[in-house]
Amino acid sequence: MMNEKERPFEKKKCPRCSNAFVCSASAKCWCFEYDVAPETMELIQDTWQGCLCSDCLKSFSKQK
């Protein structure tokens, strides 16, 4: 079993803007740093499949 430090990084492409980014696929992911309203997260999940890049997720954040 892998611990969090051994989890592989995944190369992904943002479904919103097509920018490439790297996901750590762990609970320490950068996406947890943004404060996005629950209803906005639901809209994001209903609109795009997969993770958004940091810039796109930040644009939906309450802490712009």
Protein backbone atom coordinates (compact mmCIF):
# COMPACT_ATOMS: atom_id res chain seq x y z
CA MET A 1 0.00 0.00 0.00
CA MET A 2 1.33 3.46 -0.92
CA ASN A 3 1.56 6.22 1.61
CA GLU A 4 0.86 9.82 0.55
CA LYS A 5 4.52 10.58 -0.17
CA GLU A 6 4.67 7.64 -2.61
CA ARG A 7 1.56 8.52 -4.59
CA PRO A 8 2.37 9.21 -8.21
CA PHE A 9 1.81 12.57 -9.82
CA GLU A 10 -0.61 12.60 -12.71
CA LYS A 11 -0.37 14.83 -15.75
CA LYS A 12 -3.82 16.21 -16.50
CA LYS A 13 -5.46 18.63 -18.89
CA CYS A 14 -8.00 21.13 -17.57
CA PRO A 15 -11.40 20.43 -19.14
CA ARG A 16 -12.28 24.15 -18.92
CA CYS A 17 -9.23 25.86 -20.46
CA SER A 18 -7.13 22.94 -21.77
CA ASN A 19 -4.03 23.97 -19.77
CA ALA A 20 -1.81 21.11 -18.65
CA PHE A 21 -1.17 20.66 -14.92
CA VAL A 22 0.11 18.07 -12.50
CA CYS A 23 -2.16 16.52 -9.88
CA SER A 24 -0.73 14.87 -6.78
CA ALA A 25 -3.90 12.80 -6.35
CA SER A 26 -3.69 13.14 -2.59
CA ALA A 27 -5.47 14.87 0.25
CA LYS A 28 -2.74 17.52 0.14
CA CYS A 29 -3.71 18.66 -3.34
CA TRP A 30 -3.53 22.39 -4.08
CA CYS A 31 -7.25 22.38 -4.89
CA PHE A 32 -8.03 22.18 -1.17
CA GLU A 33 -6.42 25.63 -0.78
CA TYR A 34 -9.35 27.37 -2.52
CA ASP A 35 -12.60 28.28 -0.80
CA VAL A 36 -15.27 27.44 -3.36
CA ALA A 37 -18.93 27.60 -2.36
CA PRO A 38 -20.67 24.19 -2.28
CA GLU A 39 -23.20 25.25 -4.93
CA THR A 40 -20.35 26.42 -7.16
CA MET A 41 -18.52 23.11 -6.69
CA GLU A 42 -21.72 21.32 -7.71
CA LEU A 43 -21.95 23.49 -10.85
CA ILE A 44 -18.29 22.76 -11.68
CA GLN A 45 -18.81 19.01 -11.24
CA ASP A 46 -21.99 19.10 -13.36
CA THR A 47 -20.31 21.12 -16.12
CA TRP A 48 -16.83 19.58 -16.43
CA GLN A 49 -15.53 16.09 -15.91
CA GLY A 50 -12.33 15.87 -13.91
CA CYS A 51 -10.16 18.39 -12.11
CA LEU A 52 -9.82 22.03 -13.07
CA CYS A 53 -6.40 23.67 -13.15
CA SER A 54 -5.36 26.05 -10.40
CA ASP A 55 -6.16 29.19 -12.42
CA CYS A 56 -9.66 28.03 -13.33
CA LEU A 57 -10.49 26.83 -9.83
CA LYS A 58 -9.17 30.09 -8.39
CA SER A 59 -11.54 32.02 -10.67
CA PHE A 60 -14.45 30.31 -8.88
CA SER A 61 -12.97 30.88 -5.42
CA LYS A 62 -14.50 33.20 -2.83
CA GLN A 63 -10.98 34.46 -2.04
CA LYS A 64 -10.14 35.94 -5.46
